[in-house]
PDB file of N, CA and C in Angstrom:
ATOM      1  N   UNK A   1       3.177   1.671   8.115  1.00  0.00           N
ATOM      2  CA  UNK A   1       2.891   3.203   7.099  1.00  0.00           C
ATOM      3  C   UNK A   1       4.430   3.789   8.133  1.00  0.00           C
ATOM      4  N   UNK A   2       4.607   3.436   9.150  1.00  0.00           N
ATOM      5  CA  UNK A   2       5.507   4.491   9.428  1.00  0.00           C
ATOM      6  C   UNK A   2       6.728   4.310   9.350  1.00  0.00           C
ATOM      7  N   UNK A   3       7.093   3.179   8.633  1.00  0.00           N
ATOM      8  CA  UNK A   3       8.263   3.011   8.002  1.00  0.00           C
ATOM      9  C   UNK A   3       8.739   3.283   6.403  1.00  0.00           C
ATOM     10  N   UNK A   4       7.054   3.148   5.947  1.00  0.00           N
ATOM     11  CA  UNK A   4       7.304   4.057   4.291  1.00  0.00           C
ATOM     12  C   UNK A   4       7.277   5.172   4.681  1.00  0.00           C
ATOM     13  N   UNK A   5       6.511   5.870   5.416  1.00  0.00           N
ATOM     14  CA  UNK A   5       6.776   7.649   5.444  1.00  0.00           C
ATOM     15  C   UNK A   5       8.147   7.661   6.381  1.00  0.00           C
ATOM     16  N   UNK A   6       8.764   6.696   6.902  1.00  0.00           N
ATOM     17  CA  UNK A   6       9.855   7.318   7.398  1.00  0.00           C
ATOM     18  C   UNK A   6      11.187   6.818   6.295  1.00  0.00           C
ATOM     19  N   UNK A   7      10.590   5.996   5.723  1.00  0.00           N
ATOM     20  CA  UNK A   7      11.648   5.225   4.418  1.00  0.00           C
ATOM     21  C   UNK A   7      12.675   4.302   5.234  1.00  0.00           C
ATOM     22  N   UNK A   8      12.632   4.222   6.416  1.00  0.00           N
ATOM     23  CA  UNK A   8      13.120   3.175   7.076  1.00  0.00           C
ATOM     24  C   UNK A   8      14.035   2.597   6.652  1.00  0.00           C
ATOM     25  N   UNK A   9      13.912   1.809   5.293  1.00  0.00           N
ATOM     26  CA  UNK A   9      14.538   0.686   5.202  1.00  0.00           C
ATOM     27  C   UNK A   9      15.013   0.900   4.051  1.00  0.00           C
ATOM     28  N   UNK A  10      16.219   0.817   3.573  1.00  0.00           N
ATOM     29  CA  UNK A  10      16.443   1.011   1.461  1.00  0.00           C
ATOM     30  C   UNK A  10      15.741  -0.793   0.680  1.00  0.00           C
ATOM     31  N   UNK A  11      14.832   0.298   0.091  1.00  0.00           N
ATOM     32  CA  UNK A  11      14.290  -1.098  -1.016  1.00  0.00           C
ATOM     33  C   UNK A  11      13.599  -0.569  -1.979  1.00  0.00           C
ATOM     34  N   UNK A  12      12.669  -1.244  -2.865  1.00  0.00           N
ATOM     35  CA  UNK A  12      11.938  -0.402  -3.610  1.00  0.00           C
ATOM     36  C   UNK A  12      10.668   0.705  -2.791  1.00  0.00           C
ATOM     37  N   UNK A  13      10.745   0.631  -1.758  1.00  0.00           N
ATOM     38  CA  UNK A  13       9.023   1.961  -1.939  1.00  0.00           C
ATOM     39  C   UNK A  13      10.058   3.213  -1.489  1.00  0.00           C
ATOM     40  N   UNK A  14      11.566   3.367  -1.351  1.00  0.00           N
ATOM     41  CA  UNK A  14      12.080   4.100  -0.562  1.00  0.00           C
ATOM     42  C   UNK A  14      12.605   4.397  -1.230  1.00  0.00           C
ATOM     43  N   UNK A  15      13.387   3.987  -2.595  1.00  0.00           N
ATOM     44  CA  UNK A  15      13.709   4.863  -3.793  1.00  0.00           C
ATOM     45  C   UNK A  15      13.087   4.743  -4.763  1.00  0.00           C
ATOM     46  N   UNK A  16      11.465   4.499  -4.850  1.00  0.00           N
ATOM     47  CA  UNK A  16      10.736   5.415  -5.864  1.00  0.00           C
ATOM     48  C   UNK A  16       9.616   5.944  -4.873  1.00  0.00           C
ATOM     49  N   UNK A  17       9.937   6.455  -3.916  1.00  0.00           N
ATOM     50  CA  UNK A  17       8.675   7.182  -2.768  1.00  0.00           C
ATOM     51  C   UNK A  17       7.109   6.542  -2.873  1.00  0.00           C
ATOM     52  N   UNK A  18       7.561   5.368  -2.487  1.00  0.00           N
ATOM     53  CA  UNK A  18       5.851   5.098  -2.243  1.00  0.00           C
ATOM     54  C   UNK A  18       5.740   5.450  -0.619  1.00  0.00           C
ATOM     55  N   UNK A  19       4.595   6.504  -0.409  1.00  0.00           N
ATOM     56  CA  UNK A  19       4.941   6.643   0.467  1.00  0.00           C
ATOM     57  C   UNK A  19       3.000   6.659   1.053  1.00  0.00           C
ATOM     58  N   UNK A  20       2.431   6.865  -0.334  1.00  0.00           N
ATOM     59  CA  UNK A  20       1.040   6.211   0.091  1.00  0.00           C
ATOM     60  C   UNK A  20      -0.386   4.986   0.146  1.00  0.00           C
ATOM     61  N   UNK A  21      -0.764   5.043   1.080  1.00  0.00           N
ATOM     62  CA  UNK A  21      -1.697   3.590   0.959  1.00  0.00           C
ATOM     63  C   UNK A  21      -2.713   4.440   0.456  1.00  0.00           C
ATOM     64  N   UNK A  22      -2.620   3.921  -0.693  1.00  0.00           N
ATOM     65  CA  UNK A  22      -4.704   4.581  -1.463  1.00  0.00           C
ATOM     66  C   UNK A  22      -5.045   2.913  -2.048  1.00  0.00           C
ATOM     67  N   UNK A  23      -4.716   2.045  -1.177  1.00  0.00           N
ATOM     68  CA  UNK A  23      -5.974   0.448  -1.603  1.00  0.00           C
ATOM     69  C   UNK A  23      -5.460  -0.644  -0.058  1.00  0.00           C
ATOM     70  N   UNK A  24      -6.396  -1.260   0.339  1.00  0.00           N
ATOM     71  CA  UNK A  24      -5.659  -1.892   1.580  1.00  0.00           C
ATOM     72  C   UNK A  24      -7.011  -2.661   0.975  1.00  0.00           C
ATOM     73  N   UNK A  25      -6.627  -3.845   1.476  1.00  0.00           N
ATOM     74  CA  UNK A  25      -8.389  -4.983   1.870  1.00  0.00           C
ATOM     75  C   UNK A  25      -7.765  -6.122   3.309  1.00  0.00           C
ATOM     76  N   UNK A  26      -8.787  -6.703   3.666  1.00  0.00           N
ATOM     77  CA  UNK A  26      -8.529  -7.303   4.957  1.00  0.00           C
ATOM     78  C   UNK A  26      -9.159  -8.170   4.743  1.00  0.00           C
ATOM     79  N   UNK A  27      -8.200  -9.381   5.837  1.00  0.00           N
ATOM     80  CA  UNK A  27      -8.172 -11.143   5.489  1.00  0.00           C
ATOM     81  C   UNK A  27      -8.378 -11.625   6.929  1.00  0.00           C
ATOM     82  N   UNK A  28      -8.669 -13.083   7.301  1.00  0.00           N
ATOM     83  CA  UNK A  28      -8.756 -13.008   8.524  1.00  0.00           C
ATOM     84  C   UNK A  28      -7.993 -14.069   8.702  1.00  0.00           C
ATOM     85  N   UNK A  29      -6.794 -14.535   7.852  1.00  0.00           N
ATOM     86  CA  UNK A  29      -5.540 -15.125   8.098  1.00  0.00           C
ATOM     87  C   UNK A  29      -4.555 -14.685   6.855  1.00  0.00           C
ATOM     88  N   UNK A  30      -3.274 -14.417   7.539  1.00  0.00           N
ATOM     89  CA  UNK A  30      -2.110 -14.005   6.670  1.00  0.00           C
ATOM     90  C   UNK A  30      -2.292 -14.908   5.330  1.00  0.00           C
ATOM     91  N   UNK A  31      -1.899 -15.975   5.663  1.00  0.00           N
ATOM     92  CA  UNK A  31      -2.125 -16.863   4.385  1.00  0.00           C
ATOM     93  C   UNK A  31      -3.317 -16.621   3.270  1.00  0.00           C
ATOM     94  N   UNK A  32      -4.226 -15.984   3.254  1.00  0.00           N
ATOM     95  CA  UNK A  32      -5.249 -15.220   1.887  1.00  0.00           C
ATOM     96  C   UNK A  32      -4.762 -14.263   1.804  1.00  0.00           C
ATOM     97  N   UNK A  33      -4.235 -13.465   2.718  1.00  0.00           N
ATOM     98  CA  UNK A  33      -3.634 -12.058   2.270  1.00  0.00           C
ATOM     99  C   UNK A  33      -2.058 -11.775   1.665  1.00  0.00           C
ATOM    100  N   UNK A  34      -1.482 -13.352   1.920  1.00  0.00           N
ATOM    101  CA  UNK A  34      -0.533 -13.392   0.965  1.00  0.00           C
ATOM    102  C   UNK A  34      -0.679 -13.833  -0.847  1.00  0.00           C
ATOM    103  N   UNK A  35      -1.998 -14.699  -0.229  1.00  0.00           N
ATOM    104  CA  UNK A  35      -2.337 -15.345  -2.064  1.00  0.00           C
ATOM    105  C   UNK A  35      -3.205 -14.279  -2.787  1.00  0.00           C
ATOM    106  N   UNK A  36      -3.770 -13.308  -1.657  1.00  0.00           N
ATOM    107  CA  UNK A  36      -4.508 -12.522  -2.692  1.00  0.00           C
ATOM    108  C   UNK A  36      -3.066 -11.097  -3.209  1.00  0.00           C
ATOM    109  N   UNK A  37      -2.189 -11.278  -2.104  1.00  0.00           N
ATOM    110  CA  UNK A  37      -0.818  -9.870  -2.794  1.00  0.00           C
ATOM    111  C   UNK A  37      -0.368 -10.583  -3.780  1.00  0.00           C
ATOM    112  N   UNK A  38      -0.157 -11.780  -4.111  1.00  0.00           N
ATOM    113  CA  UNK A  38       0.874 -12.513  -5.547  1.00  0.00           C
ATOM    114  C   UNK A  38      -0.329 -12.351  -6.449  1.00  0.00           C
ATOM    115  N   UNK A  39      -1.708 -12.492  -6.005  1.00  0.00           N
ATOM    116  CA  UNK A  39      -2.429 -11.955  -7.450  1.00  0.00           C
ATOM    117  C   UNK A  39      -2.568 -10.634  -7.964  1.00  0.00           C
ATOM    118  N   UNK A  40      -2.442  -9.487  -7.242  1.00  0.00           N
ATOM    119  CA  UNK A  40      -2.227  -8.313  -7.274  1.00  0.00           C
ATOM    120  C   UNK A  40      -0.975  -8.208  -8.320  1.00  0.00           C
ATOM    121  N   UNK A  41       0.349  -8.871  -7.603  1.00  0.00           N
ATOM    122  CA  UNK A  41       1.486  -8.967  -7.964  1.00  0.00           C
ATOM    123  C   UNK A  41       1.693  -8.956  -9.664  1.00  0.00           C
ATOM    124  N   UNK A  42       0.977  -9.979  -9.670  1.00  0.00           N
ATOM    125  CA  UNK A  42       1.099 -11.297 -11.166  1.00  0.00           C
ATOM    126  C   UNK A  42       0.559 -10.161 -11.904  1.00  0.00           C
ATOM    127  N   UNK A  43      -0.635  -9.213 -12.248  1.00  0.00           N
ATOM    128  CA  UNK A  43      -1.300  -8.705 -12.934  1.00  0.00           C
ATOM    129  C   UNK A  43      -0.507  -7.679 -13.882  1.00  0.00           C
ATOM    130  N   UNK A  44      -1.107  -7.663 -14.510  1.00  0.00           N
ATOM    131  CA  UNK A  44      -0.592  -6.429 -15.391  1.00  0.00           C
ATOM    132  C   UNK A  44      -0.589  -5.309 -14.610  1.00  0.00           C
ATOM    133  N   UNK A  45      -0.151  -3.919 -14.668  1.00  0.00           N
ATOM    134  CA  UNK A  45      -0.136  -2.474 -14.386  1.00  0.00           C
ATOM    135  C   UNK A  45      -1.360  -2.062 -14.455  1.00  0.00           C
ATOM    136  N   UNK A  46      -2.182  -2.449 -15.661  1.00  0.00           N
ATOM    137  CA  UNK A  46      -3.450  -1.667 -16.077  1.00  0.00           C
ATOM    138  C   UNK A  46      -4.261  -1.660 -15.195  1.00  0.00           C
ATOM    139  N   UNK A  47      -4.695  -3.292 -15.090  1.00  0.00           N
ATOM    140  CA  UNK A  47      -5.415  -4.167 -14.072  1.00  0.00           C
ATOM    141  C   UNK A  47      -5.144  -3.694 -12.407  1.00  0.00           C
ATOM    142  N   UNK A  48      -4.531  -2.997 -12.186  1.00  0.00           N
ATOM    143  CA  UNK A  48      -4.196  -2.828 -10.795  1.00  0.00           C
ATOM    144  C   UNK A  48      -4.554  -2.007 -10.263  1.00  0.00           C
ATOM    145  N   UNK A  49      -4.458  -0.727 -10.653  1.00  0.00           N
ATOM    146  CA  UNK A  49      -5.120   0.500 -11.235  1.00  0.00           C
ATOM    147  C   UNK A  49      -6.474   0.374 -10.878  1.00  0.00           C
ATOM    148  N   UNK A  50      -7.390  -0.949 -11.644  1.00  0.00           N
ATOM    149  CA  UNK A  50      -9.014  -1.056 -11.506  1.00  0.00           C
ATOM    150  C   UNK A  50      -9.337  -1.104 -10.111  1.00  0.00           C
ATOM    151  N   UNK A  51      -8.981  -1.568  -8.949  1.00  0.00           N
ATOM    152  CA  UNK A  51     -10.180  -1.987  -7.676  1.00  0.00           C
ATOM    153  C   UNK A  51      -9.481  -1.072  -7.090  1.00  0.00           C
ATOM    154  N   UNK A  52      -8.210   0.153  -7.121  1.00  0.00           N
ATOM    155  CA  UNK A  52      -8.249   1.181  -6.543  1.00  0.00           C
ATOM    156  C   UNK A  52      -9.051   2.866  -7.346  1.00  0.00           C
ATOM    157  N   UNK A  53      -8.851   2.592  -8.343  1.00  0.00           N
ATOM    158  CA  UNK A  53      -9.913   3.473  -9.377  1.00  0.00           C
ATOM    159  C   UNK A  53     -11.934   3.238  -8.517  1.00  0.00           C
ATOM    160  N   UNK A  54     -11.546   2.288  -7.893  1.00  0.00           N
ATOM    161  CA  UNK A  54     -13.167   1.505  -8.025  1.00  0.00           C
ATOM    162  C   UNK A  54     -13.474   1.906  -6.917  1.00  0.00           C
ATOM    163  N   UNK A  55     -12.366   2.048  -5.972  1.00  0.00           N
ATOM    164  CA  UNK A  55     -13.066   3.017  -3.974  1.00  0.00           C
ATOM    165  C   UNK A  55     -11.956   4.354  -4.231  1.00  0.00           C
ATOM    166  N   UNK A  56     -11.134   4.344  -4.517  1.00  0.00           N
ATOM    167  CA  UNK A  56     -10.549   5.496  -4.445  1.00  0.00           C
ATOM    168  C   UNK A  56      -9.796   6.160  -5.766  1.00  0.00           C
ATOM    169  N   UNK A  57     -10.970   6.441  -6.664  1.00  0.00           N
ATOM    170  CA  UNK A  57     -10.440   7.424  -7.735  1.00  0.00           C
ATOM    171  C   UNK A  57      -9.201   8.292  -7.629  1.00  0.00           C
ATOM    172  N   UNK A  58      -9.503   9.687  -6.711  1.00  0.00           N
ATOM    173  CA  UNK A  58      -8.073  10.791  -6.511  1.00  0.00           C
ATOM    174  C   UNK A  58      -6.640   9.850  -6.486  1.00  0.00           C
ATOM    175  N   UNK A  59      -6.876   8.832  -5.654  1.00  0.00           N
ATOM    176  CA  UNK A  59      -5.993   8.224  -5.524  1.00  0.00           C
ATOM    177  C   UNK A  59      -5.207   8.967  -3.905  1.00  0.00           C
ATOM    178  N   UNK A  60      -6.358   9.592  -3.324  1.00  0.00           N
ATOM    179  CA  UNK A  60      -6.008  10.105  -1.904  1.00  0.00           C
ATOM    180  C   UNK A  60      -4.992   8.657  -1.177  1.00  0.00           C
ATOM    181  N   UNK A  61      -4.539   9.260  -0.019  1.00  0.00           N
ATOM    182  CA  UNK A  61      -3.558   8.570   0.839  1.00  0.00           C
ATOM    183  C   UNK A  61      -4.632   8.140   1.717  1.00  0.00           C
ATOM    184  N   UNK A  62      -4.413   7.349   1.994  1.00  0.00           N
ATOM    185  CA  UNK A  62      -5.798   6.593   2.911  1.00  0.00           C
ATOM    186  C   UNK A  62      -5.187   6.651   3.979  1.00  0.00           C
ATOM    187  N   UNK A  63      -4.024   7.237   4.642  1.00  0.00           N
ATOM    188  CA  UNK A  63      -3.263   6.653   5.832  1.00  0.00           C
ATOM    189  C   UNK A  63      -3.303   8.431   6.067  1.00  0.00           C
ATOM    190  N   UNK A  64      -3.868   9.388   5.676  1.00  0.00           N
ATOM    191  CA  UNK A  64      -3.695  10.752   5.850  1.00  0.00           C
ATOM    192  C   UNK A  64      -4.431  10.899   7.134  1.00  0.00           C
ATOM    193  N   UNK A  65      -3.158  11.427   7.973  1.00  0.00           N
ATOM    194  CA  UNK A  65      -4.890  12.091   9.946  1.00  0.00           C
ATOM    195  C   UNK A  65      -4.205  10.991  10.836  1.00  0.00           C
ATOM    196  N   UNK A  66      -3.584   9.714  10.117  1.00  0.00           N
ATOM    197  CA  UNK A  66      -3.095   9.139  10.980  1.00  0.00           C
ATOM    198  C   UNK A  66      -2.234   9.161  12.200  1.00  0.00           C
ATOM    199  N   UNK A  67      -2.187   8.652  13.074  1.00  0.00           N
ATOM    200  CA  UNK A  67      -1.329   9.000  14.397  1.00  0.00           C
ATOM    201  C   UNK A  67       0.161   8.487  13.949  1.00  0.00           C
ATOM    202  N   UNK A  68       1.392   8.660  13.583  1.00  0.00           N
ATOM    203  CA  UNK A  68       2.648   8.330  13.837  1.00  0.00           C
ATOM    204  C   UNK A  68       3.461   8.865  14.807  1.00  0.00           C
ATOM    205  N   UNK A  69       3.614   7.946  15.694  1.00  0.00           N
ATOM    206  CA  UNK A  69       5.173   9.033  16.627  1.00  0.00           C
ATOM    207  C   UNK A  69       5.918   7.907  16.282  1.00  0.00           C
ATOM    208  N   UNK A  70       6.980   8.755  16.044  1.00  0.00           N
ATOM    209  CA  UNK A  70       8.801   8.139  15.502  1.00  0.00           C
ATOM    210  C   UNK A  70       9.719   8.614  16.612  1.00  0.00           C
ATOM    211  N   UNK A  71      10.375   6.818  16.371  1.00  0.00           N
ATOM    212  CA  UNK A  71      11.250   6.901  16.980  1.00  0.00           C
ATOM    213  C   UNK A  71      12.667   7.778  16.289  1.00  0.00           C
ATOM    214  N   UNK A  72      13.032   8.621  18.374  1.00  0.00           N
ATOM    215  CA  UNK A  72      13.923   9.751  18.188  1.00  0.00           C
ATOM    216  C   UNK A  72      15.183   9.217  18.634  1.00  0.00           C
TER     217      UNK A  72
END
């Protein structure tokens, strides 16, 4: 999240100011997480919002209040 919030890398997230965590899922393995990420990315935009709306209907930043240490 620190990299997203500080826009440490040029790319989609920095270009479109994507720096809020509105949804997350936890998996036991990276392979399971990658499969799920690809499922979400393959879906259409209308359906992508459904899981977010089910747990975070106001789309609040779930990382608010996290303590970030920034490199100087």
